[in-house]
Amino acid sequence: MRVRVLVAASGDRHNGAMTLTNEAAAAILADNFAPWVRDLGLTVTETGERHAVLRLPWSEGLAREGGALSGQALMAAADTATVIAVSAARGGFGPMTTVQQSIAFQRPVTGTDVLIRAAVTKLGRRLAFADITLTAEGADEPAAHATTVYALAD
């Protein structure tokens, strides 16, 4: 795995770190994830001081029996969005790993993209905690809600 640290020059600072741009976040996706994760087609639609929003495009290939998007795809999307949100909170990518992930599926997603909003709720020196909401595009209510804990390697 290649590790490339990217920091955007947006001028906004949080604890001495620069804010991550969408372009830098997209480069993190391209450079630091397994091919099967890249094959999900996730795109970064927004980054902020402590959050990221990604889009998971609808695909029949990700649907399970009955036509709903599979839980595995939603969990992978939540996990990936967390990496981008933590990178945004830290001002760039650094080695990290999932310690815990929990998800509650609330309603099926069929025939539409999913927006994944990951927000860092606590950023420590060694651990980061995030809250993730997955919502079908155009829907008011979430399709799933996840929480994650990440260990930060540096």
N, C-alpha and C. Protein backbone atom coordinates (compact mmCIF):
# COMPACT_ATOMS: atom_id res chain seq x y z
N MET A 1 0.84 -1.17 0.00
CA MET A 1 0.00 0.00 0.00
C MET A 1 0.89 1.24 0.00
N ARG A 2 0.60 2.18 -0.89
CA ARG A 2 1.32 3.44 -0.90
C ARG A 2 0.65 4.40 0.06
N VAL A 3 1.44 5.19 0.73
CA VAL A 3 0.91 6.22 1.61
C VAL A 3 1.37 7.56 1.06
N ARG A 4 0.41 8.39 0.70
CA ARG A 4 0.73 9.72 0.19
C ARG A 4 -0.02 10.72 1.05
N VAL A 5 0.71 11.62 1.68
CA VAL A 5 0.10 12.63 2.53
C VAL A 5 -0.23 13.83 1.66
N LEU A 6 -1.48 14.25 1.69
CA LEU A 6 -1.94 15.38 0.90
C LEU A 6 -2.60 16.40 1.79
N VAL A 7 -2.19 17.62 1.65
CA VAL A 7 -2.82 18.70 2.40
C VAL A 7 -3.19 19.78 1.41
N ALA A 8 -4.39 20.30 1.53
CA ALA A 8 -4.86 21.34 0.63
C ALA A 8 -4.47 22.71 1.15
N ALA A 9 -4.37 23.63 0.26
CA ALA A 9 -4.04 25.00 0.64
C ALA A 9 -5.28 25.86 0.64
N SER A 10 -6.26 25.48 1.42
CA SER A 10 -7.51 26.24 1.44
C SER A 10 -7.44 27.44 2.36
N GLY A 11 -6.47 27.47 3.23
CA GLY A 11 -6.33 28.59 4.13
C GLY A 11 -7.05 28.41 5.46
N ASP A 12 -7.96 27.48 5.57
CA ASP A 12 -8.62 27.23 6.84
C ASP A 12 -7.73 26.31 7.67
N ARG A 13 -7.58 26.66 8.94
CA ARG A 13 -6.74 25.85 9.81
C ARG A 13 -7.52 25.35 11.00
N HIS A 14 -7.24 24.11 11.40
CA HIS A 14 -7.83 23.52 12.60
C HIS A 14 -6.70 22.83 13.34
N ASN A 15 -6.38 23.33 14.49
CA ASN A 15 -5.28 22.78 15.27
C ASN A 15 -3.99 22.70 14.46
N GLY A 16 -3.74 23.72 13.62
CA GLY A 16 -2.52 23.76 12.85
C GLY A 16 -2.56 22.98 11.54
N ALA A 17 -3.63 22.28 11.25
CA ALA A 17 -3.71 21.49 10.02
C ALA A 17 -4.55 22.21 8.98
N MET A 18 -4.21 22.03 7.74
CA MET A 18 -4.97 22.63 6.65
C MET A 18 -6.21 21.78 6.38
N THR A 19 -7.22 22.40 5.83
CA THR A 19 -8.44 21.70 5.46
C THR A 19 -8.21 20.88 4.20
N LEU A 20 -8.69 19.66 4.18
CA LEU A 20 -8.56 18.76 3.05
C LEU A 20 -9.54 19.16 1.95
N THR A 21 -9.07 19.28 0.72
CA THR A 21 -9.96 19.58 -0.41
C THR A 21 -10.57 18.29 -0.94
N ASN A 22 -11.63 18.43 -1.74
CA ASN A 22 -12.24 17.26 -2.39
C ASN A 22 -11.23 16.56 -3.29
N GLU A 23 -10.39 17.32 -3.96
CA GLU A 23 -9.40 16.74 -4.86
C GLU A 23 -8.38 15.91 -4.09
N ALA A 24 -7.92 16.44 -2.96
CA ALA A 24 -6.97 15.69 -2.13
C ALA A 24 -7.63 14.44 -1.57
N ALA A 25 -8.90 14.56 -1.18
CA ALA A 25 -9.63 13.39 -0.66
C ALA A 25 -9.80 12.34 -1.75
N ALA A 26 -10.08 12.76 -2.98
CA ALA A 26 -10.20 11.82 -4.09
C ALA A 26 -8.87 11.10 -4.35
N ALA A 27 -7.77 11.81 -4.18
CA ALA A 27 -6.45 11.19 -4.34
C ALA A 27 -6.20 10.15 -3.25
N ILE A 28 -6.67 10.42 -2.04
CA ILE A 28 -6.55 9.44 -0.95
C ILE A 28 -7.31 8.18 -1.33
N LEU A 29 -8.51 8.33 -1.87
CA LEU A 29 -9.30 7.17 -2.33
C LEU A 29 -8.54 6.39 -3.39
N ALA A 30 -7.97 7.08 -4.35
CA ALA A 30 -7.29 6.43 -5.46
C ALA A 30 -6.00 5.73 -5.04
N ASP A 31 -5.30 6.29 -4.06
CA ASP A 31 -3.95 5.82 -3.74
C ASP A 31 -3.86 4.84 -2.57
N ASN A 32 -4.90 4.76 -1.72
CA ASN A 32 -4.73 4.05 -0.46
C ASN A 32 -5.75 2.97 -0.17
N PHE A 33 -6.55 2.59 -1.14
CA PHE A 33 -7.58 1.58 -0.90
C PHE A 33 -7.40 0.40 -1.84
N ALA A 34 -7.87 -0.75 -1.39
CA ALA A 34 -7.80 -1.97 -2.19
C ALA A 34 -8.61 -1.80 -3.48
N PRO A 35 -8.22 -2.51 -4.53
CA PRO A 35 -8.95 -2.39 -5.80
C PRO A 35 -10.46 -2.63 -5.67
N TRP A 36 -10.88 -3.59 -4.84
CA TRP A 36 -12.32 -3.87 -4.74
C TRP A 36 -13.06 -2.70 -4.09
N VAL A 37 -12.40 -1.95 -3.21
CA VAL A 37 -13.04 -0.76 -2.62
C VAL A 37 -13.15 0.33 -3.69
N ARG A 38 -12.10 0.52 -4.47
CA ARG A 38 -12.16 1.50 -5.57
C ARG A 38 -13.24 1.12 -6.56
N ASP A 39 -13.46 -0.19 -6.76
CA ASP A 39 -14.49 -0.66 -7.70
C ASP A 39 -15.91 -0.29 -7.26
N LEU A 40 -16.10 0.09 -5.99
CA LEU A 40 -17.42 0.53 -5.54
C LEU A 40 -17.84 1.82 -6.24
N GLY A 41 -16.87 2.58 -6.76
CA GLY A 41 -17.18 3.81 -7.48
C GLY A 41 -17.46 5.00 -6.57
N LEU A 42 -17.00 4.94 -5.33
CA LEU A 42 -17.23 6.05 -4.40
C LEU A 42 -16.57 7.32 -4.91
N THR A 43 -17.28 8.44 -4.74
CA THR A 43 -16.71 9.75 -5.06
C THR A 43 -16.91 10.68 -3.87
N VAL A 44 -15.99 11.60 -3.72
CA VAL A 44 -16.06 12.58 -2.64
C VAL A 44 -16.88 13.76 -3.14
N THR A 45 -17.94 14.10 -2.41
CA THR A 45 -18.76 15.24 -2.81
C THR A 45 -18.54 16.46 -1.92
N GLU A 46 -18.00 16.23 -0.72
CA GLU A 46 -17.78 17.35 0.21
C GLU A 46 -16.79 16.93 1.29
N THR A 47 -15.94 17.87 1.66
CA THR A 47 -15.09 17.68 2.82
C THR A 47 -15.16 18.95 3.66
N GLY A 48 -14.99 18.78 4.95
CA GLY A 48 -15.00 19.92 5.86
C GLY A 48 -14.01 19.67 6.97
N GLU A 49 -14.05 20.54 7.96
CA GLU A 49 -13.07 20.48 9.04
C GLU A 49 -13.04 19.14 9.76
N ARG A 50 -14.21 18.52 9.96
CA ARG A 50 -14.28 17.25 10.68
C ARG A 50 -15.28 16.30 10.04
N HIS A 51 -15.50 16.44 8.74
CA HIS A 51 -16.47 15.55 8.09
C HIS A 51 -16.14 15.36 6.62
N ALA A 52 -16.80 14.35 6.05
CA ALA A 52 -16.72 14.10 4.62
C ALA A 52 -18.05 13.50 4.16
N VAL A 53 -18.41 13.81 2.92
CA VAL A 53 -19.60 13.21 2.31
C VAL A 53 -19.13 12.52 1.03
N LEU A 54 -19.47 11.24 0.92
CA LEU A 54 -19.14 10.45 -0.26
C LEU A 54 -20.43 9.97 -0.91
N ARG A 55 -20.34 9.68 -2.20
CA ARG A 55 -21.48 9.14 -2.95
C ARG A 55 -21.15 7.72 -3.38
N LEU A 56 -22.05 6.81 -3.07
CA LEU A 56 -21.97 5.43 -3.55
C LEU A 56 -22.98 5.30 -4.67
N PRO A 57 -22.52 5.13 -5.92
CA PRO A 57 -23.49 5.04 -7.02
C PRO A 57 -24.24 3.71 -7.01
N TRP A 58 -25.50 3.78 -7.37
CA TRP A 58 -26.31 2.57 -7.47
C TRP A 58 -25.69 1.64 -8.50
N SER A 59 -25.68 0.36 -8.21
CA SER A 59 -25.18 -0.64 -9.14
C SER A 59 -25.92 -1.95 -8.91
N GLU A 60 -26.41 -2.54 -9.97
CA GLU A 60 -27.05 -3.86 -9.86
C GLU A 60 -26.05 -4.88 -9.29
N GLY A 61 -24.78 -4.67 -9.59
CA GLY A 61 -23.74 -5.58 -9.11
C GLY A 61 -23.58 -5.56 -7.59
N LEU A 62 -24.08 -4.52 -6.94
CA LEU A 62 -24.00 -4.42 -5.48
C LEU A 62 -25.32 -4.78 -4.80
N ALA A 63 -26.32 -5.12 -5.61
CA ALA A 63 -27.63 -5.46 -5.05
C ALA A 63 -27.65 -6.93 -4.63
N ARG A 64 -28.43 -7.19 -3.62
CA ARG A 64 -28.60 -8.56 -3.14
C ARG A 64 -29.94 -9.10 -3.64
N GLU A 65 -30.26 -10.31 -3.23
CA GLU A 65 -31.55 -10.90 -3.56
C GLU A 65 -32.65 -9.93 -3.13
N GLY A 66 -33.60 -9.69 -4.00
CA GLY A 66 -34.67 -8.74 -3.71
C GLY A 66 -34.42 -7.35 -4.26
N GLY A 67 -33.20 -7.08 -4.72
CA GLY A 67 -32.91 -5.83 -5.40
C GLY A 67 -32.42 -4.68 -4.54
N ALA A 68 -32.24 -4.89 -3.25
CA ALA A 68 -31.74 -3.82 -2.38
C ALA A 68 -30.21 -3.84 -2.37
N LEU A 69 -29.63 -2.68 -2.15
CA LEU A 69 -28.18 -2.57 -2.04
C LEU A 69 -27.71 -3.43 -0.87
N SER A 70 -26.62 -4.15 -1.06
CA SER A 70 -26.16 -5.09 -0.03
C SER A 70 -25.57 -4.36 1.18
N GLY A 71 -25.74 -4.97 2.33
CA GLY A 71 -25.17 -4.43 3.55
C GLY A 71 -23.66 -4.36 3.52
N GLN A 72 -23.04 -5.32 2.84
CA GLN A 72 -21.57 -5.31 2.74
C GLN A 72 -21.08 -4.05 2.03
N ALA A 73 -21.78 -3.65 0.96
CA ALA A 73 -21.39 -2.44 0.22
C ALA A 73 -21.58 -1.21 1.10
N LEU A 74 -22.67 -1.17 1.86
CA LEU A 74 -22.92 -0.03 2.74
C LEU A 74 -21.89 0.05 3.86
N MET A 75 -21.51 -1.10 4.43
CA MET A 75 -20.48 -1.09 5.48
C MET A 75 -19.13 -0.65 4.94
N ALA A 76 -18.78 -1.13 3.76
CA ALA A 76 -17.51 -0.71 3.16
C ALA A 76 -17.53 0.79 2.85
N ALA A 77 -18.66 1.31 2.39
CA ALA A 77 -18.77 2.74 2.11
C ALA A 77 -18.63 3.56 3.39
N ALA A 78 -19.26 3.09 4.48
CA ALA A 78 -19.16 3.80 5.75
C ALA A 78 -17.71 3.80 6.26
N ASP A 79 -17.05 2.68 6.15
CA ASP A 79 -15.67 2.54 6.58
C ASP A 79 -14.76 3.47 5.78
N THR A 80 -14.96 3.51 4.49
CA THR A 80 -14.15 4.35 3.60
C THR A 80 -14.40 5.83 3.86
N ALA A 81 -15.66 6.20 4.06
CA ALA A 81 -15.98 7.60 4.35
C ALA A 81 -15.33 8.05 5.65
N THR A 82 -15.20 7.13 6.61
CA THR A 82 -14.55 7.47 7.87
C THR A 82 -13.08 7.83 7.65
N VAL A 83 -12.40 7.09 6.80
CA VAL A 83 -11.00 7.40 6.51
C VAL A 83 -10.88 8.82 5.96
N ILE A 84 -11.78 9.18 5.06
CA ILE A 84 -11.73 10.52 4.47
C ILE A 84 -12.05 11.58 5.53
N ALA A 85 -13.05 11.33 6.38
CA ALA A 85 -13.39 12.30 7.42
C ALA A 85 -12.25 12.47 8.42
N VAL A 86 -11.62 11.36 8.84
CA VAL A 86 -10.50 11.45 9.77
C VAL A 86 -9.33 12.18 9.10
N SER A 87 -9.10 11.89 7.83
CA SER A 87 -8.05 12.61 7.09
C SER A 87 -8.35 14.10 7.04
N ALA A 88 -9.61 14.46 6.84
CA ALA A 88 -10.00 15.87 6.82
C ALA A 88 -9.74 16.50 8.18
N ALA A 89 -10.08 15.79 9.25
CA ALA A 89 -9.88 16.32 10.60
C ALA A 89 -8.40 16.48 10.94
N ARG A 90 -7.56 15.61 10.36
CA ARG A 90 -6.13 15.65 10.64
C ARG A 90 -5.36 16.52 9.65
N GLY A 91 -6.04 16.99 8.60
CA GLY A 91 -5.37 17.83 7.60
C GLY A 91 -4.64 17.05 6.53
N GLY A 92 -4.81 15.74 6.49
CA GLY A 92 -4.18 14.90 5.48
C GLY A 92 -4.23 13.45 5.89
N PHE A 93 -3.87 12.58 4.97
CA PHE A 93 -3.92 11.14 5.23
C PHE A 93 -2.69 10.70 6.02
N GLY A 94 -2.93 9.78 6.94
CA GLY A 94 -1.86 9.10 7.66
C GLY A 94 -2.33 7.69 7.95
N PRO A 95 -1.42 6.79 8.24
CA PRO A 95 -1.81 5.40 8.50
C PRO A 95 -2.83 5.31 9.64
N MET A 96 -3.87 4.51 9.42
CA MET A 96 -4.91 4.28 10.42
C MET A 96 -5.56 2.95 10.11
N THR A 97 -6.25 2.40 11.10
CA THR A 97 -6.92 1.13 10.90
C THR A 97 -8.22 1.08 11.69
N THR A 98 -9.19 0.36 11.16
CA THR A 98 -10.47 0.21 11.83
C THR A 98 -10.29 -0.67 13.07
N VAL A 99 -10.79 -0.19 14.21
CA VAL A 99 -10.77 -0.95 15.45
C VAL A 99 -12.16 -1.53 15.70
N GLN A 100 -13.18 -0.75 15.41
CA GLN A 100 -14.57 -1.17 15.64
C GLN A 100 -15.47 -0.49 14.63
N GLN A 101 -16.46 -1.24 14.15
CA GLN A 101 -17.49 -0.67 13.29
C GLN A 101 -18.81 -1.37 13.60
N SER A 102 -19.83 -0.57 13.76
CA SER A 102 -21.16 -1.09 14.03
C SER A 102 -22.14 -0.36 13.12
N ILE A 103 -23.11 -1.09 12.58
CA ILE A 103 -24.08 -0.47 11.67
C ILE A 103 -25.48 -1.00 11.96
N ALA A 104 -26.44 -0.13 11.82
CA ALA A 104 -27.85 -0.51 11.95
C ALA A 104 -28.52 -0.17 10.62
N PHE A 105 -29.04 -1.19 9.97
CA PHE A 105 -29.75 -1.00 8.70
C PHE A 105 -31.20 -0.67 9.01
N GLN A 106 -31.69 0.45 8.49
CA GLN A 106 -33.02 0.93 8.86
C GLN A 106 -34.05 0.79 7.75
N ARG A 107 -33.62 0.86 6.50
CA ARG A 107 -34.53 0.69 5.37
C ARG A 107 -33.71 0.34 4.13
N PRO A 108 -34.30 -0.36 3.18
CA PRO A 108 -33.54 -0.76 1.98
C PRO A 108 -33.31 0.42 1.03
N VAL A 109 -32.25 0.29 0.25
CA VAL A 109 -31.96 1.25 -0.82
C VAL A 109 -32.08 0.49 -2.13
N THR A 110 -32.95 0.96 -3.00
CA THR A 110 -33.12 0.33 -4.31
C THR A 110 -33.11 1.38 -5.40
N GLY A 111 -32.30 1.15 -6.41
CA GLY A 111 -32.32 1.97 -7.62
C GLY A 111 -31.84 3.39 -7.49
N THR A 112 -31.12 3.75 -6.45
CA THR A 112 -30.63 5.13 -6.31
C THR A 112 -29.29 5.16 -5.59
N ASP A 113 -28.56 6.24 -5.80
CA ASP A 113 -27.27 6.42 -5.13
C ASP A 113 -27.48 6.62 -3.64
N VAL A 114 -26.40 6.42 -2.89
CA VAL A 114 -26.41 6.63 -1.45
C VAL A 114 -25.39 7.71 -1.11
N LEU A 115 -25.80 8.65 -0.26
CA LEU A 115 -24.89 9.66 0.26
C LEU A 115 -24.45 9.23 1.65
N ILE A 116 -23.14 9.22 1.86
CA ILE A 116 -22.56 8.75 3.12
C ILE A 116 -21.90 9.95 3.79
N ARG A 117 -22.43 10.36 4.93
CA ARG A 117 -21.87 11.50 5.67
C ARG A 117 -21.19 10.97 6.93
N ALA A 118 -19.88 11.13 6.98
CA ALA A 118 -19.10 10.71 8.13
C ALA A 118 -18.61 11.95 8.87
N ALA A 119 -18.88 11.98 10.17
CA ALA A 119 -18.46 13.11 11.00
C ALA A 119 -17.60 12.59 12.15
N VAL A 120 -16.44 13.19 12.32
CA VAL A 120 -15.55 12.82 13.42
C VAL A 120 -16.11 13.44 14.69
N THR A 121 -16.41 12.61 15.67
CA THR A 121 -16.98 13.10 16.92
C THR A 121 -15.92 13.29 18.00
N LYS A 122 -14.80 12.57 17.88
CA LYS A 122 -13.67 12.76 18.80
C LYS A 122 -12.40 12.38 18.06
N LEU A 123 -11.44 13.27 18.13
CA LEU A 123 -10.14 13.02 17.51
C LEU A 123 -9.07 13.14 18.59
N GLY A 124 -8.51 11.99 18.94
CA GLY A 124 -7.43 11.97 19.93
C GLY A 124 -6.10 11.74 19.26
N ARG A 125 -5.08 11.55 20.08
CA ARG A 125 -3.74 11.29 19.52
C ARG A 125 -3.64 9.89 18.95
N ARG A 126 -4.34 8.93 19.55
CA ARG A 126 -4.24 7.53 19.13
C ARG A 126 -5.53 6.95 18.56
N LEU A 127 -6.68 7.55 18.89
CA LEU A 127 -7.97 7.04 18.43
C LEU A 127 -8.82 8.15 17.84
N ALA A 128 -9.65 7.78 16.86
CA ALA A 128 -10.64 8.70 16.30
C ALA A 128 -11.99 7.97 16.30
N PHE A 129 -13.04 8.71 16.62
CA PHE A 129 -14.40 8.18 16.67
C PHE A 129 -15.24 8.92 15.63
N ALA A 130 -16.12 8.19 14.94
CA ALA A 130 -16.95 8.83 13.92
C ALA A 130 -18.36 8.30 13.93
N ASP A 131 -19.26 9.14 13.47
CA ASP A 131 -20.68 8.84 13.33
C ASP A 131 -21.00 8.96 11.84
N ILE A 132 -21.63 7.94 11.26
CA ILE A 132 -21.88 7.90 9.83
C ILE A 132 -23.36 7.68 9.55
N THR A 133 -23.90 8.53 8.68
CA THR A 133 -25.29 8.39 8.25
C THR A 133 -25.29 8.10 6.75
N LEU A 134 -26.00 7.05 6.36
CA LEU A 134 -26.11 6.65 4.96
C LEU A 134 -27.55 6.87 4.53
N THR A 135 -27.76 7.73 3.54
CA THR A 135 -29.10 8.12 3.12
C THR A 135 -29.24 7.96 1.62
N ALA A 136 -30.31 7.33 1.18
CA ALA A 136 -30.58 7.23 -0.25
C ALA A 136 -30.80 8.64 -0.79
N GLU A 137 -30.24 8.92 -1.96
CA GLU A 137 -30.38 10.24 -2.54
C GLU A 137 -31.86 10.60 -2.68
N GLY A 138 -32.21 11.79 -2.21
CA GLY A 138 -33.59 12.26 -2.28
C GLY A 138 -34.46 11.85 -1.11
N ALA A 139 -33.95 10.99 -0.23
CA ALA A 139 -34.73 10.52 0.92
C ALA A 139 -34.50 11.45 2.11
N ASP A 140 -35.50 11.51 2.97
CA ASP A 140 -35.38 12.31 4.20
C ASP A 140 -34.83 11.50 5.36
N GLU A 141 -35.11 10.22 5.37
CA GLU A 141 -34.72 9.35 6.48
C GLU A 141 -33.51 8.50 6.08
N PRO A 142 -32.60 8.25 7.02
CA PRO A 142 -31.42 7.44 6.68
C PRO A 142 -31.77 5.98 6.39
N ALA A 143 -30.97 5.38 5.54
CA ALA A 143 -31.09 3.95 5.25
C ALA A 143 -30.30 3.14 6.28
N ALA A 144 -29.24 3.75 6.83
CA ALA A 144 -28.41 3.07 7.82
C ALA A 144 -27.65 4.10 8.64
N HIS A 145 -27.25 3.68 9.82
CA HIS A 145 -26.45 4.52 10.71
C HIS A 145 -25.31 3.66 11.24
N ALA A 146 -24.10 4.20 11.18
CA ALA A 146 -22.93 3.45 11.65
C ALA A 146 -22.10 4.30 12.60
N THR A 147 -21.31 3.61 13.40
CA THR A 147 -20.29 4.25 14.23
C THR A 147 -18.98 3.50 14.00
N THR A 148 -17.89 4.23 14.07
CA THR A 148 -16.58 3.59 13.88
C THR A 148 -15.58 4.14 14.89
N VAL A 149 -14.59 3.33 15.18
CA VAL A 149 -13.44 3.74 15.97
C VAL A 149 -12.20 3.35 15.16
N TYR A 150 -11.27 4.28 15.02
CA TYR A 150 -10.04 4.05 14.28
C TYR A 150 -8.84 4.24 15.17
N ALA A 151 -7.85 3.40 15.00
CA ALA A 151 -6.54 3.59 15.64
C ALA A 151 -5.67 4.37 14.67
N LEU A 152 -5.01 5.40 15.20
CA LEU A 152 -4.15 6.26 14.39
C LEU A 152 -2.70 5.84 14.63
N ALA A 153 -2.00 5.56 13.55
CA ALA A 153 -0.66 5.01 13.68
C ALA A 153 0.41 6.05 13.96
N ASP A 154 0.14 7.28 13.62
CA ASP A 154 1.19 8.29 13.90
C ASP A 154 0.61 9.50 14.55
